[in-house]
Amino acid sequence: MACKHIAIIMDGNGRWAQDRGRARPWGHREGAKRVDEIVTAAVERGITHLTLYAFSTENWNRPGTEVQLLMRLLVQHLKSMDKKLVKNRVSLVAQGSLERLPDFVRADLQRVIRLTALDKPAMTLCLCLSYGGRQEIVDAARGLAAQVQAGKLQPEQIDEKAFGQSLYHPEFPDPDLLIRTGGEYRVSNFLLWQVAYAEFYVTRTLWPDFSPAELDLALQEFEHRERRFGKTSAQVRTPLSEVAR
């Protein structure tokens, strides 16, 4: 089964810098450089959707100076990556509690989103900014509740499909592969609804060292996974023609 949507928890920037006797901001700057490389590599490998966990709702609790640096780095990166996205036919979208982002960040983010809006992009890149999986679920529930209150929806009409359509980007397919760098074994409030059947790949490689070669290792591992979606191995391996008999 082909891997079309990859989601990545980009972890380890601070540790990478500290391991080298440098301050955490240096790690964030190096980590930002990897984004360009991985986006290009994903396009070259036929990935149609790439979702990157760039800044979580919990990250607002970090020291103010670090948050300010991350916001400035984000804008710097948007200004340098826009032409590369256009060249590679990559459309940018964003999701999360975007209203919490500083005005100067939202302005440049919307500029690049408009610049890269394509009818048939080679790949769609989604930046999760001020994002939390629990908040996305809460927002979806509120949206459905408002429809019920307005008489546009009956409670019994709320099913998985209706709920999924109320998420931030319902047009995105669920991730096939969730990659986490840095060696931690947790999802950290990332795409809690969408990763129900994603294959997990955890590497001890810290994000600033995560290269296209590391991406290939993850994809090679994915190719050897058996995706059963609740079925038995025998069911998955049986051709549809035999099942129909």
C-alpha atoms as a PDB file:
ATOM      1  CA  MET A   1       0.000   0.000   0.000  1.00  0.00           C
ATOM      2  CA  ALA A   2       1.458   3.339  -1.059  1.00  0.00           C
ATOM      3  CA  CYS A   3       2.241   6.007   1.518  1.00  0.00           C
ATOM      4  CA  LYS A   4       0.542   9.234   0.487  1.00  0.00           C
ATOM      5  CA  HIS A   5       0.239  11.250   3.703  1.00  0.00           C
ATOM      6  CA  ILE A   6       3.107  11.614   6.172  1.00  0.00           C
ATOM      7  CA  ALA A   7       2.766  13.459   9.469  1.00  0.00           C
ATOM      8  CA  ILE A   8       5.917  14.385  11.393  1.00  0.00           C
ATOM      9  CA  ILE A   9       6.491  15.400  15.006  1.00  0.00           C
ATOM     10  CA  MET A  10       9.706  17.396  14.586  1.00  0.00           C
ATOM     11  CA  ASP A  11      11.302  16.877  18.001  1.00  0.00           C
ATOM     12  CA  GLY A  12      14.780  17.450  19.348  1.00  0.00           C
ATOM     13  CA  ASN A  13      15.931  20.911  18.249  1.00  0.00           C
ATOM     14  CA  GLY A  14      16.762  22.064  21.776  1.00  0.00           C
ATOM     15  CA  ARG A  15      18.499  18.831  22.759  1.00  0.00           C
ATOM     16  CA  TRP A  16      20.504  18.891  19.525  1.00  0.00           C
ATOM     17  CA  ALA A  17      21.871  22.329  20.383  1.00  0.00           C
ATOM     18  CA  GLN A  18      22.530  21.506  24.040  1.00  0.00           C
ATOM     19  CA  ASP A  19      24.401  18.334  23.051  1.00  0.00           C
ATOM     20  CA  ARG A  20      26.774  20.633  21.148  1.00  0.00           C
ATOM     21  CA  GLY A  21      27.168  23.115  23.970  1.00  0.00           C
ATOM     22  CA  ARG A  22      25.006  25.719  22.251  1.00  0.00           C
ATOM     23  CA  ALA A  23      21.828  27.552  23.259  1.00  0.00           C
ATOM     24  CA  ARG A  24      18.443  26.148  22.238  1.00  0.00           C
ATOM     25  CA  PRO A  25      17.784  28.846  19.591  1.00  0.00           C
ATOM     26  CA  TRP A  26      20.653  27.494  17.489  1.00  0.00           C
ATOM     27  CA  GLY A  27      18.889  24.148  17.357  1.00  0.00           C
ATOM     28  CA  HIS A  28      15.655  25.769  16.214  1.00  0.00           C
ATOM     29  CA  ARG A  29      17.501  27.566  13.395  1.00  0.00           C
ATOM     30  CA  GLU A  30      19.097  24.327  12.227  1.00  0.00           C
ATOM     31  CA  GLY A  31      15.781  22.511  12.512  1.00  0.00           C
ATOM     32  CA  ALA A  32      14.123  25.083  10.256  1.00  0.00           C
ATOM     33  CA  LYS A  33      16.654  24.243   7.530  1.00  0.00           C
ATOM     34  CA  ARG A  34      15.585  20.592   7.579  1.00  0.00           C
ATOM     35  CA  VAL A  35      12.014  21.538   6.700  1.00  0.00           C
ATOM     36  CA  ASP A  36      13.021  22.673   3.207  1.00  0.00           C
ATOM     37  CA  GLU A  37      14.967  19.467   2.585  1.00  0.00           C
ATOM     38  CA  ILE A  38      12.207  17.162   3.787  1.00  0.00           C
ATOM     39  CA  VAL A  39       9.485  19.011   1.869  1.00  0.00           C
ATOM     40  CA  THR A  40      11.499  18.685  -1.357  1.00  0.00           C
ATOM     41  CA  ALA A  41      12.300  15.038  -0.638  1.00  0.00           C
ATOM     42  CA  ALA A  42       8.649  14.247   0.066  1.00  0.00           C
ATOM     43  CA  VAL A  43       7.581  15.739  -3.275  1.00  0.00           C
ATOM     44  CA  GLU A  44      10.260  13.726  -5.083  1.00  0.00           C
ATOM     45  CA  ARG A  45       8.989  10.526  -3.418  1.00  0.00           C
ATOM     46  CA  GLY A  46       5.407  11.028  -4.521  1.00  0.00           C
ATOM     47  CA  ILE A  47       3.953  12.058  -1.143  1.00  0.00           C
ATOM     48  CA  THR A  48       0.733  13.992  -1.745  1.00  0.00           C
ATOM     49  CA  HIS A  49       0.230  15.375   1.788  1.00  0.00           C
ATOM     50  CA  LEU A  50       2.794  16.310   4.435  1.00  0.00           C
ATOM     51  CA  THR A  51       1.747  17.571   7.869  1.00  0.00           C
ATOM     52  CA  LEU A  52       4.386  19.069  10.165  1.00  0.00           C
ATOM     53  CA  TYR A  53       3.902  19.718  13.875  1.00  0.00           C
ATOM     54  CA  ALA A  54       5.606  23.108  14.031  1.00  0.00           C
ATOM     55  CA  PHE A  55       4.197  24.709  17.210  1.00  0.00           C
ATOM     56  CA  SER A  56       1.756  23.194  19.677  1.00  0.00           C
ATOM     57  CA  THR A  57      -0.774  24.814  21.979  1.00  0.00           C
ATOM     58  CA  GLU A  58       1.452  23.670  24.859  1.00  0.00           C
ATOM     59  CA  ASN A  59       4.481  25.438  23.363  1.00  0.00           C
ATOM     60  CA  TRP A  60       2.963  28.764  24.415  1.00  0.00           C
ATOM     61  CA  ASN A  61       4.034  27.769  27.947  1.00  0.00           C
ATOM     62  CA  ARG A  62       7.729  27.964  27.013  1.00  0.00           C
ATOM     63  CA  PRO A  63       9.827  30.994  28.068  1.00  0.00           C
ATOM     64  CA  GLY A  64       8.636  34.146  26.332  1.00  0.00           C
ATOM     65  CA  THR A  65      12.017  34.774  24.703  1.00  0.00           C
ATOM     66  CA  GLU A  66      11.987  31.324  23.103  1.00  0.00           C
ATOM     67  CA  VAL A  67       8.419  31.754  21.848  1.00  0.00           C
ATOM     68  CA  GLN A  68       9.310  35.134  20.321  1.00  0.00           C
ATOM     69  CA  LEU A  69      12.332  33.576  18.621  1.00  0.00           C
ATOM     70  CA  LEU A  70      10.203  30.751  17.198  1.00  0.00           C
ATOM     71  CA  MET A  71       7.704  33.257  15.803  1.00  0.00           C
ATOM     72  CA  ARG A  72      10.483  35.275  14.145  1.00  0.00           C
ATOM     73  CA  LEU A  73      12.073  32.125  12.757  1.00  0.00           C
ATOM     74  CA  LEU A  74       8.726  31.066  11.315  1.00  0.00           C
ATOM     75  CA  VAL A  75       8.354  34.336   9.419  1.00  0.00           C
ATOM     76  CA  GLN A  76      11.977  34.216   8.214  1.00  0.00           C
ATOM     77  CA  HIS A  77      11.395  30.708   6.961  1.00  0.00           C
ATOM     78  CA  LEU A  78       8.156  31.645   5.212  1.00  0.00           C
ATOM     79  CA  LYS A  79       9.980  34.455   3.390  1.00  0.00           C
ATOM     80  CA  SER A  80      12.714  32.075   2.218  1.00  0.00           C
ATOM     81  CA  MET A  81      10.608  29.048   1.349  1.00  0.00           C
ATOM     82  CA  ASP A  82       7.799  30.652  -0.656  1.00  0.00           C
ATOM     83  CA  LYS A  83       9.606  30.519  -4.017  1.00  0.00           C
ATOM     84  CA  LYS A  84      10.720  26.933  -3.389  1.00  0.00           C
ATOM     85  CA  LEU A  85       7.135  25.907  -2.705  1.00  0.00           C
ATOM     86  CA  VAL A  86       5.997  27.515  -5.952  1.00  0.00           C
ATOM     87  CA  LYS A  87       8.846  25.850  -7.884  1.00  0.00           C
ATOM     88  CA  ASN A  88       7.971  22.421  -6.459  1.00  0.00           C
ATOM     89  CA  ARG A  89       4.217  22.992  -6.938  1.00  0.00           C
ATOM     90  CA  VAL A  90       3.521  22.672  -3.223  1.00  0.00           C
ATOM     91  CA  SER A  91       0.422  24.318  -1.729  1.00  0.00           C
ATOM     92  CA  LEU A  92       0.710  25.542   1.845  1.00  0.00           C
ATOM     93  CA  VAL A  93      -2.124  25.403   4.370  1.00  0.00           C
ATOM     94  CA  ALA A  94      -2.109  25.816   8.145  1.00  0.00           C
ATOM     95  CA  GLN A  95      -4.250  24.593  11.004  1.00  0.00           C
ATOM     96  CA  GLY A  96      -4.586  25.260  14.693  1.00  0.00           C
ATOM     97  CA  SER A  97      -5.673  28.139  16.902  1.00  0.00           C
ATOM     98  CA  LEU A  98      -4.197  30.551  14.387  1.00  0.00           C
ATOM     99  CA  GLU A  99      -5.858  33.557  16.002  1.00  0.00           C
ATOM    100  CA  ARG A 100      -3.307  33.240  18.835  1.00  0.00           C
ATOM    101  CA  LEU A 101      -0.388  33.859  16.481  1.00  0.00           C
ATOM    102  CA  PRO A 102       1.056  37.391  16.372  1.00  0.00           C
ATOM    103  CA  ASP A 103      -0.341  39.615  13.619  1.00  0.00           C
ATOM    104  CA  PHE A 104       2.954  39.716  11.699  1.00  0.00           C
ATOM    105  CA  VAL A 105       3.057  35.893  11.623  1.00  0.00           C
ATOM    106  CA  ARG A 106      -0.549  35.550  10.424  1.00  0.00           C
ATOM    107  CA  ALA A 107       0.024  38.157   7.715  1.00  0.00           C
ATOM    108  CA  ASP A 108       3.020  36.390   6.196  1.00  0.00           C
ATOM    109  CA  LEU A 109       1.409  32.984   6.611  1.00  0.00           C
ATOM    110  CA  GLN A 110      -1.648  34.126   4.655  1.00  0.00           C
ATOM    111  CA  ARG A 111       0.610  35.671   2.003  1.00  0.00           C
ATOM    112  CA  VAL A 112       2.327  32.334   1.321  1.00  0.00           C
ATOM    113  CA  ILE A 113      -0.950  30.422   1.458  1.00  0.00           C
ATOM    114  CA  ARG A 114      -2.388  32.711  -1.219  1.00  0.00           C
ATOM    115  CA  LEU A 115       0.808  32.584  -3.288  1.00  0.00           C
ATOM    116  CA  THR A 116       0.860  28.777  -3.332  1.00  0.00           C
ATOM    117  CA  ALA A 117      -2.858  28.162  -3.862  1.00  0.00           C
ATOM    118  CA  LEU A 118      -2.999  25.637  -6.714  1.00  0.00           C
ATOM    119  CA  ASP A 119      -5.879  23.608  -8.124  1.00  0.00           C
ATOM    120  CA  LYS A 120      -3.710  20.514  -8.589  1.00  0.00           C
ATOM    121  CA  PRO A 121      -0.568  20.768  -6.458  1.00  0.00           C
ATOM    122  CA  ALA A 122       2.099  18.093  -6.506  1.00  0.00           C
ATOM    123  CA  MET A 123       1.833  18.059  -2.703  1.00  0.00           C
ATOM    124  CA  THR A 124      -0.028  19.931   0.015  1.00  0.00           C
ATOM    125  CA  LEU A 125       2.017  20.975   3.034  1.00  0.00           C
ATOM    126  CA  CYS A 126       0.128  21.587   6.272  1.00  0.00           C
ATOM    127  CA  LEU A 127       1.847  23.474   9.077  1.00  0.00           C
ATOM    128  CA  CYS A 128       0.295  22.809  12.494  1.00  0.00           C
ATOM    129  CA  LEU A 129       0.731  26.081  14.363  1.00  0.00           C
ATOM    130  CA  SER A 130      -0.661  26.786  17.805  1.00  0.00           C
ATOM    131  CA  TYR A 131      -2.180  23.356  17.250  1.00  0.00           C
ATOM    132  CA  GLY A 132      -3.561  20.816  19.698  1.00  0.00           C
ATOM    133  CA  GLY A 133      -5.410  17.639  18.836  1.00  0.00           C
ATOM    134  CA  ARG A 134      -7.748  17.993  21.806  1.00  0.00           C
ATOM    135  CA  GLN A 135      -8.562  21.581  20.835  1.00  0.00           C
ATOM    136  CA  GLU A 136      -9.338  20.472  17.281  1.00  0.00           C
ATOM    137  CA  ILE A 137     -11.777  17.884  18.628  1.00  0.00           C
ATOM    138  CA  VAL A 138     -13.367  20.461  20.950  1.00  0.00           C
ATOM    139  CA  ASP A 139     -13.731  22.916  18.053  1.00  0.00           C
ATOM    140  CA  ALA A 140     -15.316  20.200  15.897  1.00  0.00           C
ATOM    141  CA  ALA A 141     -17.776  19.346  18.681  1.00  0.00           C
ATOM    142  CA  ARG A 142     -18.686  23.015  19.095  1.00  0.00           C
ATOM    143  CA  GLY A 143     -19.286  23.338  15.363  1.00  0.00           C
ATOM    144  CA  LEU A 144     -21.599  20.334  15.347  1.00  0.00           C
ATOM    145  CA  ALA A 145     -23.414  21.603  18.455  1.00  0.00           C
ATOM    146  CA  ALA A 146     -23.994  24.956  16.750  1.00  0.00           C
ATOM    147  CA  GLN A 147     -25.509  23.182  13.742  1.00  0.00           C
ATOM    148  CA  VAL A 148     -27.827  21.207  16.016  1.00  0.00           C
ATOM    149  CA  GLN A 149     -28.827  24.378  17.879  1.00  0.00           C
ATOM    150  CA  ALA A 150     -29.581  26.093  14.562  1.00  0.00           C
ATOM    151  CA  GLY A 151     -31.747  23.191  13.475  1.00  0.00           C
ATOM    152  CA  LYS A 152     -29.441  22.299  10.572  1.00  0.00           C
ATOM    153  CA  LEU A 153     -28.435  18.935  12.012  1.00  0.00           C
ATOM    154  CA  GLN A 154     -30.097  16.278  14.136  1.00  0.00           C
ATOM    155  CA  PRO A 155     -28.085  14.652  16.944  1.00  0.00           C
ATOM    156  CA  GLU A 156     -28.626  11.198  15.448  1.00  0.00           C
ATOM    157  CA  GLN A 157     -26.981  12.427  12.232  1.00  0.00           C
ATOM    158  CA  ILE A 158     -23.667  12.895  14.017  1.00  0.00           C
ATOM    159  CA  ASP A 159     -21.437   9.964  13.105  1.00  0.00           C
ATOM    160  CA  GLU A 160     -17.740   9.514  12.377  1.00  0.00           C
ATOM    161  CA  LYS A 161     -18.115  10.952   8.891  1.00  0.00           C
ATOM    162  CA  ALA A 162     -19.952  14.049  10.129  1.00  0.00           C
ATOM    163  CA  PHE A 163     -17.396  14.553  12.887  1.00  0.00           C
ATOM    164  CA  GLY A 164     -14.494  14.140  10.482  1.00  0.00           C
ATOM    165  CA  GLN A 165     -15.999  16.755   8.195  1.00  0.00           C
ATOM    166  CA  SER A 166     -15.924  19.221  11.103  1.00  0.00           C
ATOM    167  CA  LEU A 167     -12.155  18.989  11.629  1.00  0.00           C
ATOM    168  CA  TYR A 168      -9.822  21.780  10.525  1.00  0.00           C
ATOM    169  CA  HIS A 169      -8.940  20.251   7.146  1.00  0.00           C
ATOM    170  CA  PRO A 170     -11.443  17.479   6.379  1.00  0.00           C
ATOM    171  CA  GLU A 171     -10.186  17.281   2.791  1.00  0.00           C
ATOM    172  CA  PHE A 172      -6.916  15.757   4.015  1.00  0.00           C
ATOM    173  CA  PRO A 173      -6.734  11.951   4.036  1.00  0.00           C
ATOM    174  CA  ASP A 174      -5.760  10.406   7.357  1.00  0.00           C
ATOM    175  CA  PRO A 175      -1.973  10.018   7.739  1.00  0.00           C
ATOM    176  CA  ASP A 176      -0.546   6.721   6.545  1.00  0.00           C
ATOM    177  CA  LEU A 177       2.690   7.221   8.468  1.00  0.00           C
ATOM    178  CA  LEU A 178       3.425   9.194  11.631  1.00  0.00           C
ATOM    179  CA  ILE A 179       7.123   9.901  12.159  1.00  0.00           C
ATOM    180  CA  ARG A 180       8.501  11.162  15.443  1.00  0.00           C
ATOM    181  CA  THR A 181      12.114  12.241  15.719  1.00  0.00           C
ATOM    182  CA  GLY A 182      14.035  12.484  18.991  1.00  0.00           C
ATOM    183  CA  GLY A 183      13.199   9.043  20.394  1.00  0.00           C
ATOM    184  CA  GLU A 184      10.103   9.894  22.460  1.00  0.00           C
ATOM    185  CA  TYR A 185       7.196   7.413  22.311  1.00  0.00           C
ATOM    186  CA  ARG A 186       4.133   9.630  22.556  1.00  0.00           C
ATOM    187  CA  VAL A 187       1.846  11.524  20.169  1.00  0.00           C
ATOM    188  CA  SER A 188       1.961  14.765  22.191  1.00  0.00           C
ATOM    189  CA  ASN A 189      -1.566  15.904  21.361  1.00  0.00           C
ATOM    190  CA  PHE A 190      -0.965  15.633  17.599  1.00  0.00           C
ATOM    191  CA  LEU A 191      -3.769  14.672  15.176  1.00  0.00           C
ATOM    192  CA  LEU A 192      -5.503  12.576  17.838  1.00  0.00           C
ATOM    193  CA  TRP A 193      -8.514  11.795  15.634  1.00  0.00           C
ATOM    194  CA  GLN A 194      -6.626  11.307  12.386  1.00  0.00           C
ATOM    195  CA  VAL A 195      -3.848   8.929  13.496  1.00  0.00           C
ATOM    196  CA  ALA A 196      -6.211   6.174  14.656  1.00  0.00           C
ATOM    197  CA  TYR A 197      -4.756   3.777  12.068  1.00  0.00           C
ATOM    198  CA  ALA A 198      -1.499   5.477  11.127  1.00  0.00           C
ATOM    199  CA  GLU A 199       1.699   3.465  11.243  1.00  0.00           C
ATOM    200  CA  PHE A 200       4.123   4.871  13.845  1.00  0.00           C
ATOM    201  CA  TYR A 201       7.844   5.251  13.196  1.00  0.00           C
ATOM    202  CA  VAL A 202      10.051   6.577  16.000  1.00  0.00           C
ATOM    203  CA  THR A 203      13.703   7.399  15.460  1.00  0.00           C
ATOM    204  CA  ARG A 204      16.267   8.556  18.001  1.00  0.00           C
ATOM    205  CA  THR A 205      17.626  10.933  15.349  1.00  0.00           C
ATOM    206  CA  LEU A 206      17.014  14.519  16.457  1.00  0.00           C
ATOM    207  CA  TRP A 207      15.167  16.722  13.967  1.00  0.00           C
ATOM    208  CA  PRO A 208      18.180  18.838  12.850  1.00  0.00           C
ATOM    209  CA  ASP A 209      19.858  15.572  11.770  1.00  0.00           C
ATOM    210  CA  PHE A 210      16.785  14.135  10.042  1.00  0.00           C
ATOM    211  CA  SER A 211      17.769  13.899   6.381  1.00  0.00           C
ATOM    212  CA  PRO A 212      16.101  12.601   3.195  1.00  0.00           C
ATOM    213  CA  ALA A 213      18.016   9.377   3.826  1.00  0.00           C
ATOM    214  CA  GLU A 214      16.312   9.106   7.228  1.00  0.00           C
ATOM    215  CA  LEU A 215      12.969   9.707   5.514  1.00  0.00           C
ATOM    216  CA  ASP A 216      13.747   6.828   3.155  1.00  0.00           C
ATOM    217  CA  LEU A 217      14.397   4.541   6.132  1.00  0.00           C
ATOM    218  CA  ALA A 218      10.967   5.406   7.511  1.00  0.00           C
ATOM    219  CA  LEU A 219       9.328   4.737   4.140  1.00  0.00           C
ATOM    220  CA  GLN A 220      11.157   1.428   3.803  1.00  0.00           C
ATOM    221  CA  GLU A 221       9.885   0.397   7.235  1.00  0.00           C
ATOM    222  CA  PHE A 222       6.371   1.435   6.219  1.00  0.00           C
ATOM    223  CA  GLU A 223       6.525  -0.826   3.158  1.00  0.00           C
ATOM    224  CA  HIS A 224       7.012  -3.834   5.444  1.00  0.00           C
ATOM    225  CA  ARG A 225       4.065  -3.018   7.708  1.00  0.00           C
ATOM    226  CA  GLU A 226       0.818  -4.953   7.349  1.00  0.00           C
ATOM    227  CA  ARG A 227      -2.087  -2.525   7.579  1.00  0.00           C
ATOM    228  CA  ARG A 228      -5.118  -4.543   8.686  1.00  0.00           C
ATOM    229  CA  PHE A 229      -7.581  -1.827   9.846  1.00  0.00           C
ATOM    230  CA  GLY A 230      -9.194  -4.281  12.267  1.00  0.00           C
ATOM    231  CA  LYS A 231      -9.171  -7.249   9.890  1.00  0.00           C
ATOM    232  CA  THR A 232      -7.152 -10.435  10.247  1.00  0.00           C
ATOM    233  CA  SER A 233      -3.948 -11.049   8.303  1.00  0.00           C
ATOM    234  CA  ALA A 234      -5.736 -13.693   6.262  1.00  0.00           C
ATOM    235  CA  GLN A 235      -8.437 -11.238   5.238  1.00  0.00           C
ATOM    236  CA  VAL A 236      -5.900  -8.634   4.179  1.00  0.00           C
ATOM    237  CA  ARG A 237      -3.933 -11.123   2.114  1.00  0.00           C
ATOM    238  CA  THR A 238      -6.964 -12.671   0.408  1.00  0.00           C
ATOM    239  CA  PRO A 239      -7.680 -11.170  -3.043  1.00  0.00           C
ATOM    240  CA  LEU A 240     -11.035  -9.426  -3.368  1.00  0.00           C
ATOM    241  CA  SER A 241     -12.008 -11.822  -6.154  1.00  0.00           C
ATOM    242  CA  GLU A 242     -11.764 -14.754  -3.721  1.00  0.00           C
ATOM    243  CA  VAL A 243     -13.682 -12.910  -1.006  1.00  0.00           C
ATOM    244  CA  ALA A 244     -16.577 -12.348  -3.433  1.00  0.00           C
ATOM    245  CA  ARG A 245     -16.949 -16.053  -4.201  1.00  0.00           C
END
